[in-house]
Amino acid sequence: MKTFEIGRARPVNSVVTSESIVRISRIEVDPAQLPEYLALVTECGRESMTKEPGVYMMYSMQEKAHPERITILEIYADRAAYEHHVQTPHFQKYKQETMKMVRQLDLLDQNPLVPEMRMK
């Protein structure tokens, strides 16, 4: 029996495999546009987690000491899930509307050290 959390479109025990994509996105936002950026990144993250079964994790964080610095932990089931994600209306809206707000973007693909860990 698969268990689902309220608002999630994937099983709670989704597993990272060698096919999964694990990425950290580091973003620096123009401080003058930060409130608008935060609204858009929050909306995109919620839509991704709710509507996309192949998105295992879309966890956005804001540095306390430097609120203009955003880090997003992204975990996708596989390449197909990632490719689907970047074509969704909510991601396209986020990308287009934040393009001029972002001062720096670093996409850092990761190798999980304990891939068999499950998300609860």
PDB file of N, CA and C in Angstrom:
ATOM      1  N   MET A   1       0.836  -1.179   0.000  1.00  0.00           N
ATOM      2  CA  MET A   1       0.000   0.000   0.000  1.00  0.00           C
ATOM      3  C   MET A   1       0.881   1.243   0.000  1.00  0.00           C
ATOM      4  N   LYS A   2       0.608   2.163  -0.919  1.00  0.00           N
ATOM      5  CA  LYS A   2       1.359   3.411  -0.977  1.00  0.00           C
ATOM      6  C   LYS A   2       0.699   4.451  -0.091  1.00  0.00           C
ATOM      7  N   THR A   3       1.512   5.239   0.578  1.00  0.00           N
ATOM      8  CA  THR A   3       1.011   6.297   1.442  1.00  0.00           C
ATOM      9  C   THR A   3       1.266   7.636   0.764  1.00  0.00           C
ATOM     10  N   PHE A   4       0.277   8.521   0.816  1.00  0.00           N
ATOM     11  CA  PHE A   4       0.420   9.840   0.232  1.00  0.00           C
ATOM     12  C   PHE A   4       0.167  10.889   1.301  1.00  0.00           C
ATOM     13  N   GLU A   5       0.924  11.983   1.250  1.00  0.00           N
ATOM     14  CA  GLU A   5       0.665  13.099   2.140  1.00  0.00           C
ATOM     15  C   GLU A   5      -0.331  14.015   1.469  1.00  0.00           C
ATOM     16  N   ILE A   6      -1.100  14.730   2.259  1.00  0.00           N
ATOM     17  CA  ILE A   6      -2.046  15.690   1.722  1.00  0.00           C
ATOM     18  C   ILE A   6      -1.279  16.707   0.885  1.00  0.00           C
ATOM     19  N   GLY A   7      -1.781  16.975  -0.313  1.00  0.00           N
ATOM     20  CA  GLY A   7      -1.164  17.960  -1.185  1.00  0.00           C
ATOM     21  C   GLY A   7       0.008  17.442  -1.985  1.00  0.00           C
ATOM     22  N   ARG A   8       0.337  16.172  -1.856  1.00  0.00           N
ATOM     23  CA  ARG A   8       1.463  15.620  -2.607  1.00  0.00           C
ATOM     24  C   ARG A   8       0.940  14.650  -3.645  1.00  0.00           C
ATOM     25  N   ALA A   9       1.559  14.663  -4.793  1.00  0.00           N
ATOM     26  CA  ALA A   9       1.118  13.814  -5.897  1.00  0.00           C
ATOM     27  C   ALA A   9       1.958  12.556  -6.032  1.00  0.00           C
ATOM     28  N   ARG A  10       2.854  12.300  -5.108  1.00  0.00           N
ATOM     29  CA  ARG A  10       3.731  11.139  -5.222  1.00  0.00           C
ATOM     30  C   ARG A  10       3.723  10.356  -3.916  1.00  0.00           C
ATOM     31  N   PRO A  11       4.112   9.108  -3.976  1.00  0.00           N
ATOM     32  CA  PRO A  11       4.182   8.336  -2.730  1.00  0.00           C
ATOM     33  C   PRO A  11       5.172   8.970  -1.756  1.00  0.00           C
ATOM     34  N   VAL A  12       4.858   8.894  -0.493  1.00  0.00           N
ATOM     35  CA  VAL A  12       5.729   9.442   0.538  1.00  0.00           C
ATOM     36  C   VAL A  12       7.088   8.776   0.510  1.00  0.00           C
ATOM     37  N   ASN A  13       7.147   7.508   0.174  1.00  0.00           N
ATOM     38  CA  ASN A  13       8.418   6.782   0.214  1.00  0.00           C
ATOM     39  C   ASN A  13       9.118   6.765  -1.152  1.00  0.00           C
ATOM     40  N   SER A  14       9.050   7.860  -1.877  1.00  0.00           N
ATOM     41  CA  SER A  14       9.761   7.964  -3.144  1.00  0.00           C
ATOM     42  C   SER A  14      11.252   7.763  -2.896  1.00  0.00           C
ATOM     43  N   VAL A  15      11.890   7.015  -3.772  1.00  0.00           N
ATOM     44  CA  VAL A  15      13.292   6.649  -3.576  1.00  0.00           C
ATOM     45  C   VAL A  15      14.161   7.291  -4.649  1.00  0.00           C
ATOM     46  N   VAL A  16      15.293   7.830  -4.218  1.00  0.00           N
ATOM     47  CA  VAL A  16      16.284   8.352  -5.141  1.00  0.00           C
ATOM     48  C   VAL A  16      17.064   7.163  -5.698  1.00  0.00           C
ATOM     49  N   THR A  17      17.207   7.121  -7.015  1.00  0.00           N
ATOM     50  CA  THR A  17      17.941   6.039  -7.670  1.00  0.00           C
ATOM     51  C   THR A  17      19.069   6.634  -8.498  1.00  0.00           C
ATOM     52  N   SER A  18      19.804   5.790  -9.184  1.00  0.00           N
ATOM     53  CA  SER A  18      20.879   6.281 -10.053  1.00  0.00           C
ATOM     54  C   SER A  18      20.322   7.080 -11.227  1.00  0.00           C
ATOM     55  N   GLU A  19      19.038   6.923 -11.513  1.00  0.00           N
ATOM     56  CA  GLU A  19      18.387   7.669 -12.593  1.00  0.00           C
ATOM     57  C   GLU A  19      17.885   9.041 -12.140  1.00  0.00           C
ATOM     58  N   SER A  20      17.834   9.262 -10.843  1.00  0.00           N
ATOM     59  CA  SER A  20      17.303  10.514 -10.307  1.00  0.00           C
ATOM     60  C   SER A  20      18.241  11.676 -10.596  1.00  0.00           C
ATOM     61  N   ILE A  21      17.655  12.853 -10.642  1.00  0.00           N
ATOM     62  CA  ILE A  21      18.428  14.090 -10.752  1.00  0.00           C
ATOM     63  C   ILE A  21      18.317  14.806  -9.415  1.00  0.00           C
ATOM     64  N   VAL A  22      19.465  15.085  -8.813  1.00  0.00           N
ATOM     65  CA  VAL A  22      19.528  15.818  -7.555  1.00  0.00           C
ATOM     66  C   VAL A  22      20.329  17.081  -7.831  1.00  0.00           C
ATOM     67  N   ARG A  23      19.713  18.216  -7.535  1.00  0.00           N
ATOM     68  CA  ARG A  23      20.347  19.494  -7.892  1.00  0.00           C
ATOM     69  C   ARG A  23      20.129  20.502  -6.773  1.00  0.00           C
ATOM     70  N   ILE A  24      21.133  21.325  -6.575  1.00  0.00           N
ATOM     71  CA  ILE A  24      21.002  22.498  -5.723  1.00  0.00           C
ATOM     72  C   ILE A  24      21.082  23.714  -6.640  1.00  0.00           C
ATOM     73  N   SER A  25      20.065  24.550  -6.551  1.00  0.00           N
ATOM     74  CA  SER A  25      20.059  25.804  -7.297  1.00  0.00           C
ATOM     75  C   SER A  25      20.352  26.924  -6.315  1.00  0.00           C
ATOM     76  N   ARG A  26      21.400  27.672  -6.594  1.00  0.00           N
ATOM     77  CA  ARG A  26      21.738  28.839  -5.774  1.00  0.00           C
ATOM     78  C   ARG A  26      21.390  30.073  -6.595  1.00  0.00           C
ATOM     79  N   ILE A  27      20.604  30.950  -5.997  1.00  0.00           N
ATOM     80  CA  ILE A  27      20.079  32.101  -6.715  1.00  0.00           C
ATOM     81  C   ILE A  27      20.311  33.348  -5.879  1.00  0.00           C
ATOM     82  N   GLU A  28      20.809  34.383  -6.522  1.00  0.00           N
ATOM     83  CA  GLU A  28      20.897  35.683  -5.860  1.00  0.00           C
ATOM     84  C   GLU A  28      19.941  36.619  -6.574  1.00  0.00           C
ATOM     85  N   VAL A  29      19.050  37.220  -5.791  1.00  0.00           N
ATOM     86  CA  VAL A  29      17.967  38.037  -6.321  1.00  0.00           C
ATOM     87  C   VAL A  29      18.245  39.505  -6.031  1.00  0.00           C
ATOM     88  N   ASP A  30      17.830  40.373  -6.943  1.00  0.00           N
ATOM     89  CA  ASP A  30      17.883  41.812  -6.722  1.00  0.00           C
ATOM     90  C   ASP A  30      17.046  42.117  -5.483  1.00  0.00           C
ATOM     91  N   PRO A  31      17.647  42.666  -4.411  1.00  0.00           N
ATOM     92  CA  PRO A  31      16.900  42.906  -3.171  1.00  0.00           C
ATOM     93  C   PRO A  31      15.650  43.767  -3.364  1.00  0.00           C
ATOM     94  N   ALA A  32      15.679  44.679  -4.320  1.00  0.00           N
ATOM     95  CA  ALA A  32      14.519  45.540  -4.561  1.00  0.00           C
ATOM     96  C   ALA A  32      13.325  44.752  -5.096  1.00  0.00           C
ATOM     97  N   GLN A  33      13.591  43.576  -5.667  1.00  0.00           N
ATOM     98  CA  GLN A  33      12.526  42.764  -6.245  1.00  0.00           C
ATOM     99  C   GLN A  33      12.255  41.488  -5.450  1.00  0.00           C
ATOM    100  N   LEU A  34      12.826  41.404  -4.267  1.00  0.00           N
ATOM    101  CA  LEU A  34      12.742  40.183  -3.473  1.00  0.00           C
ATOM    102  C   LEU A  34      11.311  39.753  -3.128  1.00  0.00           C
ATOM    103  N   PRO A  35      10.429  40.646  -2.691  1.00  0.00           N
ATOM    104  CA  PRO A  35       9.068  40.188  -2.367  1.00  0.00           C
ATOM    105  C   PRO A  35       8.358  39.540  -3.556  1.00  0.00           C
ATOM    106  N   GLU A  36       8.509  40.104  -4.733  1.00  0.00           N
ATOM    107  CA  GLU A  36       7.888  39.531  -5.938  1.00  0.00           C
ATOM    108  C   GLU A  36       8.513  38.182  -6.271  1.00  0.00           C
ATOM    109  N   TYR A  37       9.840  38.095  -6.142  1.00  0.00           N
ATOM    110  CA  TYR A  37      10.521  36.831  -6.418  1.00  0.00           C
ATOM    111  C   TYR A  37      10.045  35.740  -5.460  1.00  0.00           C
ATOM    112  N   LEU A  38       9.971  36.056  -4.181  1.00  0.00           N
ATOM    113  CA  LEU A  38       9.562  35.063  -3.184  1.00  0.00           C
ATOM    114  C   LEU A  38       8.154  34.538  -3.467  1.00  0.00           C
ATOM    115  N   ALA A  39       7.264  35.401  -3.887  1.00  0.00           N
ATOM    116  CA  ALA A  39       5.902  34.958  -4.223  1.00  0.00           C
ATOM    117  C   ALA A  39       5.929  33.991  -5.400  1.00  0.00           C
ATOM    118  N   LEU A  40       6.732  34.280  -6.409  1.00  0.00           N
ATOM    119  CA  LEU A  40       6.799  33.424  -7.598  1.00  0.00           C
ATOM    120  C   LEU A  40       7.477  32.086  -7.314  1.00  0.00           C
ATOM    121  N   VAL A  41       8.578  32.099  -6.571  1.00  0.00           N
ATOM    122  CA  VAL A  41       9.279  30.841  -6.282  1.00  0.00           C
ATOM    123  C   VAL A  41       8.423  29.952  -5.387  1.00  0.00           C
ATOM    124  N   THR A  42       7.688  30.553  -4.464  1.00  0.00           N
ATOM    125  CA  THR A  42       6.807  29.785  -3.587  1.00  0.00           C
ATOM    126  C   THR A  42       5.681  29.143  -4.388  1.00  0.00           C
ATOM    127  N   GLU A  43       5.080  29.919  -5.264  1.00  0.00           N
ATOM    128  CA  GLU A  43       4.002  29.398  -6.103  1.00  0.00           C
ATOM    129  C   GLU A  43       4.489  28.238  -6.975  1.00  0.00           C
ATOM    130  N   CYS A  44       5.634  28.409  -7.606  1.00  0.00           N
ATOM    131  CA  CYS A  44       6.168  27.368  -8.491  1.00  0.00           C
ATOM    132  C   CYS A  44       6.490  26.101  -7.697  1.00  0.00           C
ATOM    133  N   GLY A  45       7.083  26.250  -6.530  1.00  0.00           N
ATOM    134  CA  GLY A  45       7.407  25.085  -5.702  1.00  0.00           C
ATOM    135  C   GLY A  45       6.168  24.323  -5.279  1.00  0.00           C
ATOM    136  N   ARG A  46       5.150  25.050  -4.854  1.00  0.00           N
ATOM    137  CA  ARG A  46       3.900  24.386  -4.435  1.00  0.00           C
ATOM    138  C   ARG A  46       3.228  23.677  -5.606  1.00  0.00           C
ATOM    139  N   GLU A  47       3.172  24.334  -6.749  1.00  0.00           N
ATOM    140  CA  GLU A  47       2.560  23.724  -7.936  1.00  0.00           C
ATOM    141  C   GLU A  47       3.336  22.475  -8.351  1.00  0.00           C
ATOM    142  N   SER A  48       4.658  22.553  -8.318  1.00  0.00           N
ATOM    143  CA  SER A  48       5.496  21.420  -8.717  1.00  0.00           C
ATOM    144  C   SER A  48       5.244  20.216  -7.821  1.00  0.00           C
ATOM    145  N   MET A  49       5.211  20.445  -6.508  1.00  0.00           N
ATOM    146  CA  MET A  49       5.019  19.346  -5.561  1.00  0.00           C
ATOM    147  C   MET A  49       3.602  18.781  -5.624  1.00  0.00           C
ATOM    148  N   THR A  50       2.633  19.614  -5.930  1.00  0.00           N
ATOM    149  CA  THR A  50       1.241  19.176  -5.968  1.00  0.00           C
ATOM    150  C   THR A  50       0.897  18.449  -7.261  1.00  0.00           C
ATOM    151  N   LYS A  51       1.410  18.958  -8.375  1.00  0.00           N
ATOM    152  CA  LYS A  51       0.950  18.491  -9.686  1.00  0.00           C
ATOM    153  C   LYS A  51       1.892  17.540 -10.413  1.00  0.00           C
ATOM    154  N   GLU A  52       3.138  17.400  -9.961  1.00  0.00           N
ATOM    155  CA  GLU A  52       4.116  16.626 -10.713  1.00  0.00           C
ATOM    156  C   GLU A  52       4.619  15.427  -9.902  1.00  0.00           C
ATOM    157  N   PRO A  53       4.137  14.228 -10.225  1.00  0.00           N
ATOM    158  CA  PRO A  53       4.582  13.032  -9.487  1.00  0.00           C
ATOM    159  C   PRO A  53       6.085  12.784  -9.586  1.00  0.00           C
ATOM    160  N   GLY A  54       6.724  13.228 -10.646  1.00  0.00           N
ATOM    161  CA  GLY A  54       8.157  12.997 -10.818  1.00  0.00           C
ATOM    162  C   GLY A  54       9.035  13.984 -10.077  1.00  0.00           C
ATOM    163  N   VAL A  55       8.435  14.996  -9.468  1.00  0.00           N
ATOM    164  CA  VAL A  55       9.187  15.931  -8.629  1.00  0.00           C
ATOM    165  C   VAL A  55       9.101  15.415  -7.207  1.00  0.00           C
ATOM    166  N   TYR A  56      10.205  14.845  -6.725  1.00  0.00           N
ATOM    167  CA  TYR A  56      10.241  14.296  -5.373  1.00  0.00           C
ATOM    168  C   TYR A  56      10.445  15.386  -4.328  1.00  0.00           C
ATOM    169  N   MET A  57      11.220  16.407  -4.689  1.00  0.00           N
ATOM    170  CA  MET A  57      11.519  17.461  -3.723  1.00  0.00           C
ATOM    171  C   MET A  57      11.717  18.768  -4.472  1.00  0.00           C
ATOM    172  N   MET A  58      11.116  19.817  -3.934  1.00  0.00           N
ATOM    173  CA  MET A  58      11.320  21.177  -4.422  1.00  0.00           C
ATOM    174  C   MET A  58      11.283  22.033  -3.167  1.00  0.00           C
ATOM    175  N   TYR A  59      12.438  22.112  -2.507  1.00  0.00           N
ATOM    176  CA  TYR A  59      12.516  22.734  -1.191  1.00  0.00           C
ATOM    177  C   TYR A  59      13.311  24.034  -1.284  1.00  0.00           C
ATOM    178  N   SER A  60      12.607  25.157  -1.183  1.00  0.00           N
ATOM    179  CA  SER A  60      13.218  26.475  -1.299  1.00  0.00           C
ATOM    180  C   SER A  60      13.569  27.018   0.079  1.00  0.00           C
ATOM    181  N   MET A  61      14.760  27.636   0.165  1.00  0.00           N
ATOM    182  CA  MET A  61      15.228  28.205   1.428  1.00  0.00           C
ATOM    183  C   MET A  61      15.816  29.584   1.180  1.00  0.00           C
ATOM    184  N   GLN A  62      15.710  30.437   2.204  1.00  0.00           N
ATOM    185  CA  GLN A  62      16.237  31.794   2.136  1.00  0.00           C
ATOM    186  C   GLN A  62      17.249  31.972   3.253  1.00  0.00           C
ATOM    187  N   GLU A  63      18.444  32.474   2.924  1.00  0.00           N
ATOM    188  CA  GLU A  63      19.463  32.686   3.956  1.00  0.00           C
ATOM    189  C   GLU A  63      19.006  33.766   4.926  1.00  0.00           C
ATOM    190  N   LYS A  64      19.165  33.492   6.204  1.00  0.00           N
ATOM    191  CA  LYS A  64      18.767  34.468   7.222  1.00  0.00           C
ATOM    192  C   LYS A  64      19.632  35.730   7.149  1.00  0.00           C
ATOM    193  N   ALA A  65      20.940  35.555   7.040  1.00  0.00           N
ATOM    194  CA  ALA A  65      21.852  36.694   7.042  1.00  0.00           C
ATOM    195  C   ALA A  65      21.849  37.463   5.719  1.00  0.00           C
ATOM    196  N   HIS A  66      21.489  36.799   4.636  1.00  0.00           N
ATOM    197  CA  HIS A  66      21.462  37.412   3.300  1.00  0.00           C
ATOM    198  C   HIS A  66      20.164  36.990   2.616  1.00  0.00           C
ATOM    199  N   PRO A  67      19.049  37.659   2.908  1.00  0.00           N
ATOM    200  CA  PRO A  67      17.747  37.219   2.402  1.00  0.00           C
ATOM    201  C   PRO A  67      17.624  37.208   0.885  1.00  0.00           C
ATOM    202  N   GLU A  68      18.522  37.876   0.201  1.00  0.00           N
ATOM    203  CA  GLU A  68      18.489  37.877  -1.273  1.00  0.00           C
ATOM    204  C   GLU A  68      19.079  36.594  -1.865  1.00  0.00           C
ATOM    205  N   ARG A  69      19.641  35.746  -1.013  1.00  0.00           N
ATOM    206  CA  ARG A  69      20.211  34.471  -1.455  1.00  0.00           C
ATOM    207  C   ARG A  69      19.221  33.336  -1.190  1.00  0.00           C
ATOM    208  N   ILE A  70      18.838  32.680  -2.264  1.00  0.00           N
ATOM    209  CA  ILE A  70      17.868  31.596  -2.211  1.00  0.00           C
ATOM    210  C   ILE A  70      18.569  30.308  -2.636  1.00  0.00           C
ATOM    211  N   THR A  71      18.278  29.224  -1.942  1.00  0.00           N
ATOM    212  CA  THR A  71      18.781  27.903  -2.310  1.00  0.00           C
ATOM    213  C   THR A  71      17.580  26.986  -2.470  1.00  0.00           C
ATOM    214  N   ILE A  72      17.572  26.213  -3.555  1.00  0.00           N
ATOM    215  CA  ILE A  72      16.491  25.261  -3.784  1.00  0.00           C
ATOM    216  C   ILE A  72      17.097  23.872  -3.943  1.00  0.00           C
ATOM    217  N   LEU A  73      16.621  22.934  -3.130  1.00  0.00           N
ATOM    218  CA  LEU A  73      16.978  21.530  -3.286  1.00  0.00           C
ATOM    219  C   LEU A  73      15.924  20.908  -4.189  1.00  0.00           C
ATOM    220  N   GLU A  74      16.357  20.410  -5.332  1.00  0.00           N
ATOM    221  CA  GLU A  74      15.454  19.813  -6.310  1.00  0.00           C
ATOM    222  C   GLU A  74      15.820  18.342  -6.487  1.00  0.00           C
ATOM    223  N   ILE A  75      14.823  17.470  -6.398  1.00  0.00           N
ATOM    224  CA  ILE A  75      15.048  16.054  -6.672  1.00  0.00           C
ATOM    225  C   ILE A  75      13.952  15.585  -7.618  1.00  0.00           C
ATOM    226  N   TYR A  76      14.381  15.041  -8.747  1.00  0.00           N
ATOM    227  CA  TYR A  76      13.467  14.543  -9.779  1.00  0.00           C
ATOM    228  C   TYR A  76      13.664  13.036  -9.908  1.00  0.00           C
ATOM    229  N   ALA A  77      12.602  12.328 -10.200  1.00  0.00           N
ATOM    230  CA  ALA A  77      12.665  10.875 -10.346  1.00  0.00           C
ATOM    231  C   ALA A  77      13.684  10.473 -11.402  1.00  0.00           C
ATOM    232  N   ASP A  78      13.719  11.213 -12.498  1.00  0.00           N
ATOM    233  CA  ASP A  78      14.613  10.886 -13.613  1.00  0.00           C
ATOM    234  C   ASP A  78      14.648  12.049 -14.599  1.00  0.00           C
ATOM    235  N   ARG A  79      15.377  11.896 -15.672  1.00  0.00           N
ATOM    236  CA  ARG A  79      15.527  12.942 -16.687  1.00  0.00           C
ATOM    237  C   ARG A  79      14.169  13.330 -17.285  1.00  0.00           C
ATOM    238  N   ALA A  80      13.301  12.346 -17.529  1.00  0.00           N
ATOM    239  CA  ALA A  80      11.983  12.628 -18.102  1.00  0.00           C
ATOM    240  C   ALA A  80      11.165  13.517 -17.163  1.00  0.00           C
ATOM    241  N   ALA A  81      11.243  13.263 -15.865  1.00  0.00           N
ATOM    242  CA  ALA A  81      10.514  14.088 -14.900  1.00  0.00           C
ATOM    243  C   ALA A  81      11.039  15.517 -14.903  1.00  0.00           C
ATOM    244  N   TYR A  82      12.353  15.672 -15.006  1.00  0.00           N
ATOM    245  CA  TYR A  82      12.940  17.010 -15.073  1.00  0.00           C
ATOM    246  C   TYR A  82      12.507  17.723 -16.351  1.00  0.00           C
ATOM    247  N   GLU A  83      12.590  17.034 -17.483  1.00  0.00           N
ATOM    248  CA  GLU A  83      12.199  17.636 -18.756  1.00  0.00           C
ATOM    249  C   GLU A  83      10.726  18.039 -18.744  1.00  0.00           C
ATOM    250  N   HIS A  84       9.896  17.222 -18.124  1.00  0.00           N
ATOM    251  CA  HIS A  84       8.480  17.579 -17.987  1.00  0.00           C
ATOM    252  C   HIS A  84       8.331  18.832 -17.139  1.00  0.00           C
ATOM    253  N   HIS A  85       9.052  18.878 -16.032  1.00  0.00           N
ATOM    254  CA  HIS A  85       8.968  20.018 -15.106  1.00  0.00           C
ATOM    255  C   HIS A  85       9.266  21.341 -15.803  1.00  0.00           C
ATOM    256  N   VAL A  86      10.333  21.393 -16.572  1.00  0.00           N
ATOM    257  CA  VAL A  86      10.721  22.675 -17.175  1.00  0.00           C
ATOM    258  C   VAL A  86       9.768  23.122 -18.283  1.00  0.00           C
ATOM    259  N   GLN A  87       8.864  22.251 -18.703  1.00  0.00           N
ATOM    260  CA  GLN A  87       7.864  22.612 -19.712  1.00  0.00           C
ATOM    261  C   GLN A  87       6.509  22.992 -19.105  1.00  0.00           C
ATOM    262  N   THR A  88       6.335  22.801 -17.804  1.00  0.00           N
ATOM    263  CA  THR A  88       5.033  23.073 -17.192  1.00  0.00           C
ATOM    264  C   THR A  88       4.722  24.570 -17.191  1.00  0.00           C
ATOM    265  N   PRO A  89       3.441  24.932 -17.232  1.00  0.00           N
ATOM    266  CA  PRO A  89       3.067  26.349 -17.190  1.00  0.00           C
ATOM    267  C   PRO A  89       3.576  27.070 -15.935  1.00  0.00           C
ATOM    268  N   HIS A  90       3.548  26.399 -14.770  1.00  0.00           N
ATOM    269  CA  HIS A  90       3.998  27.080 -13.551  1.00  0.00           C
ATOM    270  C   HIS A  90       5.497  27.342 -13.567  1.00  0.00           C
ATOM    271  N   PHE A  91       6.302  26.429 -14.124  1.00  0.00           N
ATOM    272  CA  PHE A  91       7.738  26.707 -14.209  1.00  0.00           C
ATOM    273  C   PHE A  91       8.017  27.785 -15.247  1.00  0.00           C
ATOM    274  N   GLN A  92       7.351  27.714 -16.381  1.00  0.00           N
ATOM    275  CA  GLN A  92       7.555  28.729 -17.427  1.00  0.00           C
ATOM    276  C   GLN A  92       7.189  30.119 -16.914  1.00  0.00           C
ATOM    277  N   LYS A  93       6.109  30.223 -16.154  1.00  0.00           N
ATOM    278  CA  LYS A  93       5.730  31.511 -15.554  1.00  0.00           C
ATOM    279  C   LYS A  93       6.836  31.998 -14.621  1.00  0.00           C
ATOM    280  N   TYR A  94       7.297  31.102 -13.738  1.00  0.00           N
ATOM    281  CA  TYR A  94       8.376  31.457 -12.814  1.00  0.00           C
ATOM    282  C   TYR A  94       9.616  31.928 -13.579  1.00  0.00           C
ATOM    283  N   LYS A  95      10.027  31.174 -14.570  1.00  0.00           N
ATOM    284  CA  LYS A  95      11.252  31.482 -15.314  1.00  0.00           C
ATOM    285  C   LYS A  95      11.142  32.839 -16.017  1.00  0.00           C
ATOM    286  N   GLN A  96      10.041  33.049 -16.716  1.00  0.00           N
ATOM    287  CA  GLN A  96       9.875  34.289 -17.476  1.00  0.00           C
ATOM    288  C   GLN A  96       9.752  35.513 -16.573  1.00  0.00           C
ATOM    289  N   GLU A  97       8.998  35.381 -15.499  1.00  0.00           N
ATOM    290  CA  GLU A  97       8.749  36.544 -14.641  1.00  0.00           C
ATOM    291  C   GLU A  97       9.902  36.866 -13.698  1.00  0.00           C
ATOM    292  N   THR A  98      10.787  35.912 -13.449  1.00  0.00           N
ATOM    293  CA  THR A  98      11.911  36.173 -12.537  1.00  0.00           C
ATOM    294  C   THR A  98      13.219  36.449 -13.261  1.00  0.00           C
ATOM    295  N   MET A  99      13.224  36.296 -14.571  1.00  0.00           N
ATOM    296  CA  MET A  99      14.464  36.413 -15.337  1.00  0.00           C
ATOM    297  C   MET A  99      15.241  37.705 -15.028  1.00  0.00           C
ATOM    298  N   LYS A 100      14.548  38.824 -14.930  1.00  0.00           N
ATOM    299  CA  LYS A 100      15.222  40.112 -14.690  1.00  0.00           C
ATOM    300  C   LYS A 100      15.451  40.374 -13.205  1.00  0.00           C
ATOM    301  N   MET A 101      14.917  39.518 -12.348  1.00  0.00           N
ATOM    302  CA  MET A 101      15.108  39.674 -10.904  1.00  0.00           C
ATOM    303  C   MET A 101      16.383  38.983 -10.429  1.00  0.00           C
ATOM    304  N   VAL A 102      16.829  37.978 -11.167  1.00  0.00           N
ATOM    305  CA  VAL A 102      17.942  37.135 -10.749  1.00  0.00           C
ATOM    306  C   VAL A 102      19.263  37.762 -11.167  1.00  0.00           C
ATOM    307  N   ARG A 103      20.132  37.986 -10.182  1.00  0.00           N
ATOM    308  CA  ARG A 103      21.470  38.520 -10.450  1.00  0.00           C
ATOM    309  C   ARG A 103      22.468  37.417 -10.752  1.00  0.00           C
ATOM    310  N   GLN A 104      22.285  36.259 -10.110  1.00  0.00           N
ATOM    311  CA  GLN A 104      23.195  35.139 -10.323  1.00  0.00           C
ATOM    312  C   GLN A 104      22.431  33.835 -10.116  1.00  0.00           C
ATOM    313  N   LEU A 105      22.753  32.851 -10.961  1.00  0.00           N
ATOM    314  CA  LEU A 105      22.134  31.529 -10.868  1.00  0.00           C
ATOM    315  C   LEU A 105      23.216  30.481 -11.050  1.00  0.00           C
ATOM    316  N   ASP A 106      23.346  29.601 -10.074  1.00  0.00           N
ATOM    317  CA  ASP A 106      24.265  28.473 -10.156  1.00  0.00           C
ATOM    318  C   ASP A 106      23.462  27.196  -9.985  1.00  0.00           C
ATOM    319  N   LEU A 107      23.549  26.304 -10.965  1.00  0.00           N
ATOM    320  CA  LEU A 107      22.882  25.008 -10.909  1.00  0.00           C
ATOM    321  C   LEU A 107      23.951  23.961 -10.629  1.00  0.00           C
ATOM    322  N   LEU A 108      23.862  23.321  -9.476  1.00  0.00           N
ATOM    323  CA  LEU A 108      24.893  22.399  -9.016  1.00  0.00           C
ATOM    324  C   LEU A 108      24.317  20.997  -8.914  1.00  0.00           C
ATOM    325  N   ASP A 109      24.587  20.153  -9.906  1.00  0.00           N
ATOM    326  CA  ASP A 109      24.124  18.775  -9.864  1.00  0.00           C
ATOM    327  C   ASP A 109      24.927  18.007  -8.829  1.00  0.00           C
ATOM    328  N   GLN A 110      24.231  17.117  -8.112  1.00  0.00           N
ATOM    329  CA  GLN A 110      24.814  16.417  -6.978  1.00  0.00           C
ATOM    330  C   GLN A 110      24.766  14.905  -7.173  1.00  0.00           C
ATOM    331  N   ASN A 111      25.684  14.211  -6.527  1.00  0.00           N
ATOM    332  CA  ASN A 111      25.638  12.759  -6.400  1.00  0.00           C
ATOM    333  C   ASN A 111      25.239  12.451  -4.966  1.00  0.00           C
ATOM    334  N   PRO A 112      24.086  11.819  -4.767  1.00  0.00           N
ATOM    335  CA  PRO A 112      23.690  11.509  -3.387  1.00  0.00           C
ATOM    336  C   PRO A 112      24.624  10.471  -2.774  1.00  0.00           C
ATOM    337  N   LEU A 113      25.009  10.694  -1.533  1.00  0.00           N
ATOM    338  CA  LEU A 113      25.917   9.776  -0.846  1.00  0.00           C
ATOM    339  C   LEU A 113      25.179   8.578  -0.270  1.00  0.00           C
ATOM    340  N   VAL A 114      23.908   8.755   0.039  1.00  0.00           N
ATOM    341  CA  VAL A 114      23.091   7.662   0.561  1.00  0.00           C
ATOM    342  C   VAL A 114      21.795   7.641  -0.272  1.00  0.00           C
ATOM    343  N   PRO A 115      21.864   7.163  -1.505  1.00  0.00           N
ATOM    344  CA  PRO A 115      20.697   7.249  -2.399  1.00  0.00           C
ATOM    345  C   PRO A 115      19.508   6.435  -1.952  1.00  0.00           C
ATOM    346  N   GLU A 116      19.725   5.437  -1.116  1.00  0.00           N
ATOM    347  CA  GLU A 116      18.587   4.614  -0.691  1.00  0.00           C
ATOM    348  C   GLU A 116      17.732   5.288   0.394  1.00  0.00           C
ATOM    349  N   MET A 117      18.149   6.468   0.858  1.00  0.00           N
ATOM    350  CA  MET A 117      17.333   7.171   1.857  1.00  0.00           C
ATOM    351  C   MET A 117      15.994   7.537   1.232  1.00  0.00           C
ATOM    352  N   ARG A 118      14.966   7.462   2.027  1.00  0.00           N
ATOM    353  CA  ARG A 118      13.622   7.762   1.563  1.00  0.00           C
ATOM    354  C   ARG A 118      13.147   9.095   2.144  1.00  0.00           C
ATOM    355  N   MET A 119      12.296   9.748   1.375  1.00  0.00           N
ATOM    356  CA  MET A 119      11.676  10.968   1.861  1.00  0.00           C
ATOM    357  C   MET A 119      10.382  10.605   2.559  1.00  0.00           C
ATOM    358  N   LYS A 120      10.162  11.144   3.719  1.00  0.00           N
ATOM    359  CA  LYS A 120       8.947  10.847   4.469  1.00  0.00           C
ATOM    360  C   LYS A 120       7.932  11.924   4.281  1.00  0.00           C
TER     361      LYS A 120
END
